[in-house]
Amino acid sequence: MINWHTSTPPTAPFYASIFNYYLSEDLEGYEAYDTETLELVKQIPGFLGYESMKHEGRGMFISYWQSKEAIAVWAQNPIHQKAKQLGQGKWYRYYHSMIAEVDRFHSHAL
């Protein structure tokens, strides 16, 4: 389920930053950075929301954005850059990321 930043989901088009990964054995500091970066990203103008899942060392984090420019601002955040360095150096044994444009969005909940 998507955790939207506001009570109303955005209208397409918007962007999705999709991050898929497998965790390594060395997760020292991982949870603290995960919590800190999640709080920081919510402060970036253009951040729309996120969804994530983790299961048996595999995970996915999708963040939603108003524009590519907002994604670029987040990519340059010093704490986010440090988390990326730590991820590449020790937390992830594999990952890939991609940016996609969401042309259409609809949802349903009971």
PDB file of N, CA and C in Angstrom:
ATOM      1  N   MET A   1       0.836  -1.173   0.000  1.00  0.00           N
ATOM      2  CA  MET A   1       0.000   0.000   0.000  1.00  0.00           C
ATOM      3  C   MET A   1       0.887   1.244   0.000  1.00  0.00           C
ATOM      4  N   ILE A   2       0.487   2.243  -0.737  1.00  0.00           N
ATOM      5  CA  ILE A   2       1.279   3.457  -0.851  1.00  0.00           C
ATOM      6  C   ILE A   2       0.994   4.382   0.335  1.00  0.00           C
ATOM      7  N   ASN A   3       2.043   4.890   0.917  1.00  0.00           N
ATOM      8  CA  ASN A   3       1.952   5.879   1.993  1.00  0.00           C
ATOM      9  C   ASN A   3       2.079   7.258   1.349  1.00  0.00           C
ATOM     10  N   TRP A   4       0.947   7.843   0.960  1.00  0.00           N
ATOM     11  CA  TRP A   4       0.975   9.149   0.309  1.00  0.00           C
ATOM     12  C   TRP A   4       1.338  10.221   1.319  1.00  0.00           C
ATOM     13  N   HIS A   5       2.041  11.218   0.859  1.00  0.00           N
ATOM     14  CA  HIS A   5       2.488  12.320   1.714  1.00  0.00           C
ATOM     15  C   HIS A   5       1.325  13.227   2.110  1.00  0.00           C
ATOM     16  N   THR A   6       0.280  13.255   1.297  1.00  0.00           N
ATOM     17  CA  THR A   6      -0.935  14.018   1.604  1.00  0.00           C
ATOM     18  C   THR A   6      -2.113  13.052   1.618  1.00  0.00           C
ATOM     19  N   SER A   7      -3.254  13.520   2.042  1.00  0.00           N
ATOM     20  CA  SER A   7      -4.423  12.640   2.145  1.00  0.00           C
ATOM     21  C   SER A   7      -5.034  12.308   0.783  1.00  0.00           C
ATOM     22  N   THR A   8      -4.678  13.060  -0.251  1.00  0.00           N
ATOM     23  CA  THR A   8      -5.225  12.818  -1.580  1.00  0.00           C
ATOM     24  C   THR A   8      -4.117  12.342  -2.512  1.00  0.00           C
ATOM     25  N   PRO A   9      -4.277  11.176  -3.153  1.00  0.00           N
ATOM     26  CA  PRO A   9      -3.251  10.722  -4.104  1.00  0.00           C
ATOM     27  C   PRO A   9      -3.078  11.729  -5.244  1.00  0.00           C
ATOM     28  N   PRO A  10      -1.882  11.783  -5.807  1.00  0.00           N
ATOM     29  CA  PRO A  10      -1.638  12.729  -6.898  1.00  0.00           C
ATOM     30  C   PRO A  10      -2.341  12.313  -8.180  1.00  0.00           C
ATOM     31  N   THR A  11      -2.448  13.249  -9.076  1.00  0.00           N
ATOM     32  CA  THR A  11      -2.968  12.985 -10.409  1.00  0.00           C
ATOM     33  C   THR A  11      -1.784  12.747 -11.334  1.00  0.00           C
ATOM     34  N   ALA A  12      -1.876  11.713 -12.150  1.00  0.00           N
ATOM     35  CA  ALA A  12      -0.808  11.433 -13.116  1.00  0.00           C
ATOM     36  C   ALA A  12      -0.798  12.536 -14.174  1.00  0.00           C
ATOM     37  N   PRO A  13       0.364  12.805 -14.741  1.00  0.00           N
ATOM     38  CA  PRO A  13       1.602  12.053 -14.616  1.00  0.00           C
ATOM     39  C   PRO A  13       2.431  12.469 -13.406  1.00  0.00           C
ATOM     40  N   PHE A  14       3.173  11.512 -12.888  1.00  0.00           N
ATOM     41  CA  PHE A  14       4.185  11.746 -11.866  1.00  0.00           C
ATOM     42  C   PHE A  14       5.255  10.679 -12.058  1.00  0.00           C
ATOM     43  N   TYR A  15       6.240  10.621 -11.195  1.00  0.00           N
ATOM     44  CA  TYR A  15       7.378   9.722 -11.389  1.00  0.00           C
ATOM     45  C   TYR A  15       7.524   8.758 -10.230  1.00  0.00           C
ATOM     46  N   ALA A  16       8.058   7.577 -10.543  1.00  0.00           N
ATOM     47  CA  ALA A  16       8.368   6.563  -9.539  1.00  0.00           C
ATOM     48  C   ALA A  16       9.860   6.268  -9.603  1.00  0.00           C
ATOM     49  N   SER A  17      10.509   6.319  -8.453  1.00  0.00           N
ATOM     50  CA  SER A  17      11.901   5.905  -8.328  1.00  0.00           C
ATOM     51  C   SER A  17      11.871   4.532  -7.660  1.00  0.00           C
ATOM     52  N   ILE A  18      12.291   3.519  -8.388  1.00  0.00           N
ATOM     53  CA  ILE A  18      12.142   2.125  -7.958  1.00  0.00           C
ATOM     54  C   ILE A  18      13.515   1.569  -7.593  1.00  0.00           C
ATOM     55  N   PHE A  19      13.645   1.091  -6.378  1.00  0.00           N
ATOM     56  CA  PHE A  19      14.909   0.566  -5.867  1.00  0.00           C
ATOM     57  C   PHE A  19      14.684  -0.860  -5.377  1.00  0.00           C
ATOM     58  N   ASN A  20      15.333  -1.824  -6.008  1.00  0.00           N
ATOM     59  CA  ASN A  20      15.257  -3.238  -5.632  1.00  0.00           C
ATOM     60  C   ASN A  20      16.617  -3.681  -5.126  1.00  0.00           C
ATOM     61  N   TYR A  21      16.649  -4.518  -4.083  1.00  0.00           N
ATOM     62  CA  TYR A  21      17.934  -4.889  -3.496  1.00  0.00           C
ATOM     63  C   TYR A  21      17.885  -6.233  -2.771  1.00  0.00           C
ATOM     64  N   TYR A  22      19.095  -6.779  -2.586  1.00  0.00           N
ATOM     65  CA  TYR A  22      19.333  -7.910  -1.707  1.00  0.00           C
ATOM     66  C   TYR A  22      20.307  -7.424  -0.643  1.00  0.00           C
ATOM     67  N   LEU A  23      19.964  -7.623   0.606  1.00  0.00           N
ATOM     68  CA  LEU A  23      20.816  -7.183   1.704  1.00  0.00           C
ATOM     69  C   LEU A  23      22.026  -8.090   1.861  1.00  0.00           C
ATOM     70  N   SER A  24      23.114  -7.507   2.345  1.00  0.00           N
ATOM     71  CA  SER A  24      24.306  -8.284   2.674  1.00  0.00           C
ATOM     72  C   SER A  24      24.182  -8.775   4.116  1.00  0.00           C
ATOM     73  N   GLU A  25      25.242  -9.366   4.605  1.00  0.00           N
ATOM     74  CA  GLU A  25      25.273  -9.821   5.999  1.00  0.00           C
ATOM     75  C   GLU A  25      25.617  -8.686   6.955  1.00  0.00           C
ATOM     76  N   ASP A  26      26.354  -7.676   6.483  1.00  0.00           N
ATOM     77  CA  ASP A  26      26.814  -6.569   7.333  1.00  0.00           C
ATOM     78  C   ASP A  26      25.807  -5.421   7.273  1.00  0.00           C
ATOM     79  N   LEU A  27      24.935  -5.352   8.255  1.00  0.00           N
ATOM     80  CA  LEU A  27      23.889  -4.325   8.282  1.00  0.00           C
ATOM     81  C   LEU A  27      24.093  -3.308   9.405  1.00  0.00           C
ATOM     82  N   GLU A  28      25.314  -3.205   9.901  1.00  0.00           N
ATOM     83  CA  GLU A  28      25.599  -2.240  10.962  1.00  0.00           C
ATOM     84  C   GLU A  28      25.248  -0.827  10.486  1.00  0.00           C
ATOM     85  N   GLY A  29      24.379  -0.157  11.235  1.00  0.00           N
ATOM     86  CA  GLY A  29      23.962   1.203  10.917  1.00  0.00           C
ATOM     87  C   GLY A  29      22.838   1.320   9.910  1.00  0.00           C
ATOM     88  N   TYR A  30      22.437   0.207   9.318  1.00  0.00           N
ATOM     89  CA  TYR A  30      21.426   0.228   8.253  1.00  0.00           C
ATOM     90  C   TYR A  30      20.076   0.767   8.735  1.00  0.00           C
ATOM     91  N   GLU A  31      19.568   0.232   9.822  1.00  0.00           N
ATOM     92  CA  GLU A  31      18.242   0.644  10.309  1.00  0.00           C
ATOM     93  C   GLU A  31      18.196   2.124  10.651  1.00  0.00           C
ATOM     94  N   ALA A  32      19.255   2.635  11.261  1.00  0.00           N
ATOM     95  CA  ALA A  32      19.302   4.054  11.623  1.00  0.00           C
ATOM     96  C   ALA A  32      19.267   4.941  10.377  1.00  0.00           C
ATOM     97  N   TYR A  33      20.050   4.581   9.364  1.00  0.00           N
ATOM     98  CA  TYR A  33      20.038   5.365   8.119  1.00  0.00           C
ATOM     99  C   TYR A  33      18.698   5.232   7.412  1.00  0.00           C
ATOM    100  N   ASP A  34      18.131   4.051   7.438  1.00  0.00           N
ATOM    101  CA  ASP A  34      16.828   3.819   6.802  1.00  0.00           C
ATOM    102  C   ASP A  34      15.776   4.742   7.410  1.00  0.00           C
ATOM    103  N   THR A  35      15.742   4.810   8.721  1.00  0.00           N
ATOM    104  CA  THR A  35      14.792   5.679   9.424  1.00  0.00           C
ATOM    105  C   THR A  35      15.079   7.145   9.145  1.00  0.00           C
ATOM    106  N   GLU A  36      16.343   7.537   9.210  1.00  0.00           N
ATOM    107  CA  GLU A  36      16.708   8.938   9.003  1.00  0.00           C
ATOM    108  C   GLU A  36      16.391   9.403   7.581  1.00  0.00           C
ATOM    109  N   THR A  37      16.738   8.591   6.588  1.00  0.00           N
ATOM    110  CA  THR A  37      16.485   9.017   5.210  1.00  0.00           C
ATOM    111  C   THR A  37      14.994   9.055   4.905  1.00  0.00           C
ATOM    112  N   LEU A  38      14.215   8.172   5.500  1.00  0.00           N
ATOM    113  CA  LEU A  38      12.769   8.214   5.277  1.00  0.00           C
ATOM    114  C   LEU A  38      12.171   9.505   5.832  1.00  0.00           C
ATOM    115  N   GLU A  39      12.645   9.956   6.968  1.00  0.00           N
ATOM    116  CA  GLU A  39      12.162  11.225   7.520  1.00  0.00           C
ATOM    117  C   GLU A  39      12.634  12.410   6.687  1.00  0.00           C
ATOM    118  N   LEU A  40      13.865  12.368   6.209  1.00  0.00           N
ATOM    119  CA  LEU A  40      14.404  13.461   5.393  1.00  0.00           C
ATOM    120  C   LEU A  40      13.694  13.592   4.051  1.00  0.00           C
ATOM    121  N   VAL A  41      13.418  12.466   3.402  1.00  0.00           N
ATOM    122  CA  VAL A  41      12.811  12.523   2.063  1.00  0.00           C
ATOM    123  C   VAL A  41      11.442  13.196   2.106  1.00  0.00           C
ATOM    124  N   LYS A  42      10.753  13.061   3.215  1.00  0.00           N
ATOM    125  CA  LYS A  42       9.425  13.672   3.350  1.00  0.00           C
ATOM    126  C   LYS A  42       9.489  15.194   3.332  1.00  0.00           C
ATOM    127  N   GLN A  43      10.664  15.760   3.542  1.00  0.00           N
ATOM    128  CA  GLN A  43      10.834  17.212   3.562  1.00  0.00           C
ATOM    129  C   GLN A  43      11.185  17.785   2.190  1.00  0.00           C
ATOM    130  N   ILE A  44      11.437  16.931   1.215  1.00  0.00           N
ATOM    131  CA  ILE A  44      11.837  17.392  -0.118  1.00  0.00           C
ATOM    132  C   ILE A  44      10.590  17.838  -0.889  1.00  0.00           C
ATOM    133  N   PRO A  45      10.560  19.096  -1.366  1.00  0.00           N
ATOM    134  CA  PRO A  45       9.426  19.535  -2.194  1.00  0.00           C
ATOM    135  C   PRO A  45       9.303  18.649  -3.430  1.00  0.00           C
ATOM    136  N   GLY A  46       8.095  18.201  -3.700  1.00  0.00           N
ATOM    137  CA  GLY A  46       7.849  17.318  -4.837  1.00  0.00           C
ATOM    138  C   GLY A  46       7.774  15.854  -4.470  1.00  0.00           C
ATOM    139  N   PHE A  47       8.109  15.500  -3.205  1.00  0.00           N
ATOM    140  CA  PHE A  47       7.957  14.126  -2.739  1.00  0.00           C
ATOM    141  C   PHE A  47       6.468  13.846  -2.560  1.00  0.00           C
ATOM    142  N   LEU A  48       5.984  12.750  -3.138  1.00  0.00           N
ATOM    143  CA  LEU A  48       4.553  12.433  -3.089  1.00  0.00           C
ATOM    144  C   LEU A  48       4.206  11.289  -2.152  1.00  0.00           C
ATOM    145  N   GLY A  49       5.121  10.345  -1.957  1.00  0.00           N
ATOM    146  CA  GLY A  49       4.826   9.203  -1.107  1.00  0.00           C
ATOM    147  C   GLY A  49       5.765   8.051  -1.401  1.00  0.00           C
ATOM    148  N   TYR A  50       5.515   6.919  -0.742  1.00  0.00           N
ATOM    149  CA  TYR A  50       6.385   5.754  -0.911  1.00  0.00           C
ATOM    150  C   TYR A  50       5.643   4.477  -0.553  1.00  0.00           C
ATOM    151  N   GLU A  51       6.233   3.388  -0.989  1.00  0.00           N
ATOM    152  CA  GLU A  51       5.824   2.063  -0.527  1.00  0.00           C
ATOM    153  C   GLU A  51       7.071   1.198  -0.472  1.00  0.00           C
ATOM    154  N   SER A  52       7.059   0.227   0.427  1.00  0.00           N
ATOM    155  CA  SER A  52       8.233  -0.625   0.560  1.00  0.00           C
ATOM    156  C   SER A  52       7.829  -2.003   1.055  1.00  0.00           C
ATOM    157  N   MET A  53       8.732  -2.938   0.817  1.00  0.00           N
ATOM    158  CA  MET A  53       8.560  -4.288   1.340  1.00  0.00           C
ATOM    159  C   MET A  53       9.928  -4.915   1.492  1.00  0.00           C
ATOM    160  N   LYS A  54      10.031  -5.776   2.509  1.00  0.00           N
ATOM    161  CA  LYS A  54      11.245  -6.568   2.744  1.00  0.00           C
ATOM    162  C   LYS A  54      10.808  -7.978   3.086  1.00  0.00           C
ATOM    163  N   HIS A  55      11.520  -8.951   2.515  1.00  0.00           N
ATOM    164  CA  HIS A  55      11.214 -10.348   2.810  1.00  0.00           C
ATOM    165  C   HIS A  55      12.469 -11.181   2.580  1.00  0.00           C
ATOM    166  N   GLU A  56      12.935 -11.821   3.640  1.00  0.00           N
ATOM    167  CA  GLU A  56      14.075 -12.735   3.570  1.00  0.00           C
ATOM    168  C   GLU A  56      15.275 -12.122   2.852  1.00  0.00           C
ATOM    169  N   GLY A  57      15.615 -10.892   3.225  1.00  0.00           N
ATOM    170  CA  GLY A  57      16.804 -10.257   2.690  1.00  0.00           C
ATOM    171  C   GLY A  57      16.638  -9.555   1.358  1.00  0.00           C
ATOM    172  N   ARG A  58      15.459  -9.660   0.768  1.00  0.00           N
ATOM    173  CA  ARG A  58      15.189  -8.960  -0.486  1.00  0.00           C
ATOM    174  C   ARG A  58      14.228  -7.826  -0.178  1.00  0.00           C
ATOM    175  N   GLY A  59      14.429  -6.694  -0.843  1.00  0.00           N
ATOM    176  CA  GLY A  59      13.549  -5.571  -0.586  1.00  0.00           C
ATOM    177  C   GLY A  59      13.296  -4.730  -1.819  1.00  0.00           C
ATOM    178  N   MET A  60      12.299  -3.888  -1.684  1.00  0.00           N
ATOM    179  CA  MET A  60      11.946  -2.946  -2.727  1.00  0.00           C
ATOM    180  C   MET A  60      11.438  -1.678  -2.049  1.00  0.00           C
ATOM    181  N   PHE A  61      11.893  -0.541  -2.542  1.00  0.00           N
ATOM    182  CA  PHE A  61      11.422   0.746  -2.053  1.00  0.00           C
ATOM    183  C   PHE A  61      11.077   1.582  -3.274  1.00  0.00           C
ATOM    184  N   ILE A  62       9.843   2.031  -3.348  1.00  0.00           N
ATOM    185  CA  ILE A  62       9.406   2.884  -4.454  1.00  0.00           C
ATOM    186  C   ILE A  62       8.991   4.216  -3.863  1.00  0.00           C
ATOM    187  N   SER A  63       9.637   5.275  -4.326  1.00  0.00           N
ATOM    188  CA  SER A  63       9.228   6.618  -3.930  1.00  0.00           C
ATOM    189  C   SER A  63       8.574   7.291  -5.134  1.00  0.00           C
ATOM    190  N   TYR A  64       7.600   8.136  -4.850  1.00  0.00           N
ATOM    191  CA  TYR A  64       6.831   8.809  -5.894  1.00  0.00           C
ATOM    192  C   TYR A  64       7.104  10.307  -5.832  1.00  0.00           C
ATOM    193  N   TRP A  65       7.228  10.908  -7.019  1.00  0.00           N
ATOM    194  CA  TRP A  65       7.696  12.281  -7.131  1.00  0.00           C
ATOM    195  C   TRP A  65       6.891  13.070  -8.155  1.00  0.00           C
ATOM    196  N   GLN A  66       6.778  14.361  -7.906  1.00  0.00           N
ATOM    197  CA  GLN A  66       6.087  15.260  -8.823  1.00  0.00           C
ATOM    198  C   GLN A  66       6.885  15.485 -10.103  1.00  0.00           C
ATOM    199  N   SER A  67       8.230  15.474  -9.998  1.00  0.00           N
ATOM    200  CA  SER A  67       9.060  15.808 -11.159  1.00  0.00           C
ATOM    201  C   SER A  67      10.422  15.128 -11.065  1.00  0.00           C
ATOM    202  N   LYS A  68      11.104  15.068 -12.206  1.00  0.00           N
ATOM    203  CA  LYS A  68      12.474  14.564 -12.225  1.00  0.00           C
ATOM    204  C   LYS A  68      13.397  15.503 -11.461  1.00  0.00           C
ATOM    205  N   GLU A  69      13.090  16.781 -11.474  1.00  0.00           N
ATOM    206  CA  GLU A  69      13.901  17.761 -10.746  1.00  0.00           C
ATOM    207  C   GLU A  69      13.858  17.498  -9.240  1.00  0.00           C
ATOM    208  N   ALA A  70      12.700  17.138  -8.721  1.00  0.00           N
ATOM    209  CA  ALA A  70      12.587  16.820  -7.293  1.00  0.00           C
ATOM    210  C   ALA A  70      13.412  15.575  -6.959  1.00  0.00           C
ATOM    211  N   ILE A  71      13.408  14.598  -7.845  1.00  0.00           N
ATOM    212  CA  ILE A  71      14.222  13.399  -7.641  1.00  0.00           C
ATOM    213  C   ILE A  71      15.703  13.780  -7.609  1.00  0.00           C
ATOM    214  N   ALA A  72      16.099  14.680  -8.502  1.00  0.00           N
ATOM    215  CA  ALA A  72      17.498  15.117  -8.563  1.00  0.00           C
ATOM    216  C   ALA A  72      17.916  15.841  -7.285  1.00  0.00           C
ATOM    217  N   VAL A  73      17.012  16.635  -6.714  1.00  0.00           N
ATOM    218  CA  VAL A  73      17.310  17.315  -5.452  1.00  0.00           C
ATOM    219  C   VAL A  73      17.565  16.274  -4.364  1.00  0.00           C
ATOM    220  N   TRP A  74      16.719  15.262  -4.278  1.00  0.00           N
ATOM    221  CA  TRP A  74      16.901  14.205  -3.286  1.00  0.00           C
ATOM    222  C   TRP A  74      18.208  13.451  -3.527  1.00  0.00           C
ATOM    223  N   ALA A  75      18.537  13.186  -4.775  1.00  0.00           N
ATOM    224  CA  ALA A  75      19.767  12.457  -5.096  1.00  0.00           C
ATOM    225  C   ALA A  75      21.008  13.212  -4.623  1.00  0.00           C
ATOM    226  N   GLN A  76      20.934  14.529  -4.526  1.00  0.00           N
ATOM    227  CA  GLN A  76      22.073  15.345  -4.104  1.00  0.00           C
ATOM    228  C   GLN A  76      22.131  15.590  -2.598  1.00  0.00           C
ATOM    229  N   ASN A  77      21.128  15.136  -1.856  1.00  0.00           N
ATOM    230  CA  ASN A  77      21.124  15.316  -0.409  1.00  0.00           C
ATOM    231  C   ASN A  77      22.342  14.602   0.194  1.00  0.00           C
ATOM    232  N   PRO A  78      23.145  15.299   1.016  1.00  0.00           N
ATOM    233  CA  PRO A  78      24.376  14.696   1.554  1.00  0.00           C
ATOM    234  C   PRO A  78      24.149  13.429   2.381  1.00  0.00           C
ATOM    235  N   ILE A  79      23.096  13.384   3.155  1.00  0.00           N
ATOM    236  CA  ILE A  79      22.838  12.184   3.962  1.00  0.00           C
ATOM    237  C   ILE A  79      22.399  11.030   3.066  1.00  0.00           C
ATOM    238  N   HIS A  80      21.611  11.339   2.045  1.00  0.00           N
ATOM    239  CA  HIS A  80      21.219  10.308   1.080  1.00  0.00           C
ATOM    240  C   HIS A  80      22.445   9.801   0.316  1.00  0.00           C
ATOM    241  N   GLN A  81      23.351  10.698  -0.059  1.00  0.00           N
ATOM    242  CA  GLN A  81      24.569  10.272  -0.750  1.00  0.00           C
ATOM    243  C   GLN A  81      25.439   9.390   0.142  1.00  0.00           C
ATOM    244  N   LYS A  82      25.526   9.725   1.424  1.00  0.00           N
ATOM    245  CA  LYS A  82      26.291   8.896   2.366  1.00  0.00           C
ATOM    246  C   LYS A  82      25.644   7.519   2.504  1.00  0.00           C
ATOM    247  N   ALA A  83      24.318   7.476   2.572  1.00  0.00           N
ATOM    248  CA  ALA A  83      23.613   6.189   2.649  1.00  0.00           C
ATOM    249  C   ALA A  83      23.885   5.356   1.394  1.00  0.00           C
ATOM    250  N   LYS A  84      23.932   5.999   0.224  1.00  0.00           N
ATOM    251  CA  LYS A  84      24.242   5.273  -1.017  1.00  0.00           C
ATOM    252  C   LYS A  84      25.652   4.691  -0.965  1.00  0.00           C
ATOM    253  N   GLN A  85      26.609   5.464  -0.447  1.00  0.00           N
ATOM    254  CA  GLN A  85      27.987   4.963  -0.330  1.00  0.00           C
ATOM    255  C   GLN A  85      28.052   3.754   0.603  1.00  0.00           C
ATOM    256  N   LEU A  86      27.384   3.857   1.734  1.00  0.00           N
ATOM    257  CA  LEU A  86      27.360   2.740   2.681  1.00  0.00           C
ATOM    258  C   LEU A  86      26.657   1.529   2.079  1.00  0.00           C
ATOM    259  N   GLY A  87      25.586   1.779   1.351  1.00  0.00           N
ATOM    260  CA  GLY A  87      24.874   0.696   0.684  1.00  0.00           C
ATOM    261  C   GLY A  87      25.759  -0.042  -0.293  1.00  0.00           C
ATOM    262  N   GLN A  88      26.476   0.712  -1.119  1.00  0.00           N
ATOM    263  CA  GLN A  88      27.370   0.091  -2.101  1.00  0.00           C
ATOM    264  C   GLN A  88      28.543  -0.604  -1.426  1.00  0.00           C
ATOM    265  N   GLY A  89      29.011  -0.039  -0.326  1.00  0.00           N
ATOM    266  CA  GLY A  89      30.184  -0.582   0.347  1.00  0.00           C
ATOM    267  C   GLY A  89      29.921  -1.760   1.257  1.00  0.00           C
ATOM    268  N   LYS A  90      28.688  -1.820   1.837  1.00  0.00           N
ATOM    269  CA  LYS A  90      28.487  -2.912   2.793  1.00  0.00           C
ATOM    270  C   LYS A  90      27.063  -3.440   2.929  1.00  0.00           C
ATOM    271  N   TRP A  91      26.023  -2.644   2.748  1.00  0.00           N
ATOM    272  CA  TRP A  91      24.669  -3.112   3.062  1.00  0.00           C
ATOM    273  C   TRP A  91      24.004  -3.949   1.978  1.00  0.00           C
ATOM    274  N   TYR A  92      24.342  -3.724   0.718  1.00  0.00           N
ATOM    275  CA  TYR A  92      23.664  -4.425  -0.378  1.00  0.00           C
ATOM    276  C   TYR A  92      24.640  -5.322  -1.122  1.00  0.00           C
ATOM    277  N   ARG A  93      24.255  -6.580  -1.287  1.00  0.00           N
ATOM    278  CA  ARG A  93      25.083  -7.435  -2.126  1.00  0.00           C
ATOM    279  C   ARG A  93      24.684  -7.292  -3.583  1.00  0.00           C
ATOM    280  N   TYR A  94      23.487  -6.765  -3.828  1.00  0.00           N
ATOM    281  CA  TYR A  94      23.029  -6.446  -5.184  1.00  0.00           C
ATOM    282  C   TYR A  94      21.921  -5.408  -5.068  1.00  0.00           C
ATOM    283  N   TYR A  95      21.875  -4.500  -6.041  1.00  0.00           N
ATOM    284  CA  TYR A  95      20.720  -3.611  -6.160  1.00  0.00           C
ATOM    285  C   TYR A  95      20.628  -3.094  -7.586  1.00  0.00           C
ATOM    286  N   HIS A  96      19.455  -2.665  -7.938  1.00  0.00           N
ATOM    287  CA  HIS A  96      19.278  -1.892  -9.162  1.00  0.00           C
ATOM    288  C   HIS A  96      18.189  -0.857  -8.893  1.00  0.00           C
ATOM    289  N   SER A  97      18.283   0.242  -9.637  1.00  0.00           N
ATOM    290  CA  SER A  97      17.278   1.293  -9.472  1.00  0.00           C
ATOM    291  C   SER A  97      16.888   1.809 -10.841  1.00  0.00           C
ATOM    292  N   MET A  98      15.712   2.378 -10.913  1.00  0.00           N
ATOM    293  CA  MET A  98      15.209   2.943 -12.158  1.00  0.00           C
ATOM    294  C   MET A  98      14.192   4.027 -11.849  1.00  0.00           C
ATOM    295  N   ILE A  99      14.040   4.931 -12.807  1.00  0.00           N
ATOM    296  CA  ILE A  99      13.038   5.986 -12.725  1.00  0.00           C
ATOM    297  C   ILE A  99      12.022   5.726 -13.827  1.00  0.00           C
ATOM    298  N   ALA A 100      10.751   5.781 -13.488  1.00  0.00           N
ATOM    299  CA  ALA A 100       9.695   5.550 -14.470  1.00  0.00           C
ATOM    300  C   ALA A 100       8.643   6.653 -14.365  1.00  0.00           C
ATOM    301  N   GLU A 101       8.085   7.016 -15.488  1.00  0.00           N
ATOM    302  CA  GLU A 101       6.988   7.980 -15.486  1.00  0.00           C
ATOM    303  C   GLU A 101       5.676   7.219 -15.345  1.00  0.00           C
ATOM    304  N   VAL A 102       4.847   7.661 -14.427  1.00  0.00           N
ATOM    305  CA  VAL A 102       3.527   7.070 -14.219  1.00  0.00           C
ATOM    306  C   VAL A 102       2.542   7.884 -15.044  1.00  0.00           C
ATOM    307  N   ASP A 103       2.043   7.278 -16.109  1.00  0.00           N
ATOM    308  CA  ASP A 103       1.107   7.972 -17.003  1.00  0.00           C
ATOM    309  C   ASP A 103      -0.338   7.886 -16.528  1.00  0.00           C
ATOM    310  N   ARG A 104      -0.610   6.871 -15.751  1.00  0.00           N
ATOM    311  CA  ARG A 104      -1.982   6.653 -15.293  1.00  0.00           C
ATOM    312  C   ARG A 104      -1.936   6.030 -13.912  1.00  0.00           C
ATOM    313  N   PHE A 105      -2.848   6.430 -13.038  1.00  0.00           N
ATOM    314  CA  PHE A 105      -2.913   5.864 -11.698  1.00  0.00           C
ATOM    315  C   PHE A 105      -4.371   5.809 -11.254  1.00  0.00           C
ATOM    316  N   HIS A 106      -4.757   4.679 -10.724  1.00  0.00           N
ATOM    317  CA  HIS A 106      -6.051   4.568 -10.046  1.00  0.00           C
ATOM    318  C   HIS A 106      -5.903   3.512  -8.949  1.00  0.00           C
ATOM    319  N   SER A 107      -6.743   3.607  -7.943  1.00  0.00           N
ATOM    320  CA  SER A 107      -6.659   2.658  -6.834  1.00  0.00           C
ATOM    321  C   SER A 107      -8.058   2.402  -6.288  1.00  0.00           C
ATOM    322  N   HIS A 108      -8.129   1.384  -5.478  1.00  0.00           N
ATOM    323  CA  HIS A 108      -9.394   1.031  -4.829  1.00  0.00           C
ATOM    324  C   HIS A 108      -9.063   0.458  -3.454  1.00  0.00           C
ATOM    325  N   ALA A 109      -9.822   0.815  -2.474  1.00  0.00           N
ATOM    326  CA  ALA A 109      -9.675   0.245  -1.127  1.00  0.00           C
ATOM    327  C   ALA A 109     -11.058   0.095  -0.520  1.00  0.00           C
ATOM    328  N   LEU A 110     -11.231  -0.953   0.222  1.00  0.00           N
ATOM    329  CA  LEU A 110     -12.516  -1.165   0.912  1.00  0.00           C
ATOM    330  C   LEU A 110     -12.557  -0.365   2.188  1.00  0.00           C
TER     331      LEU A 110
END
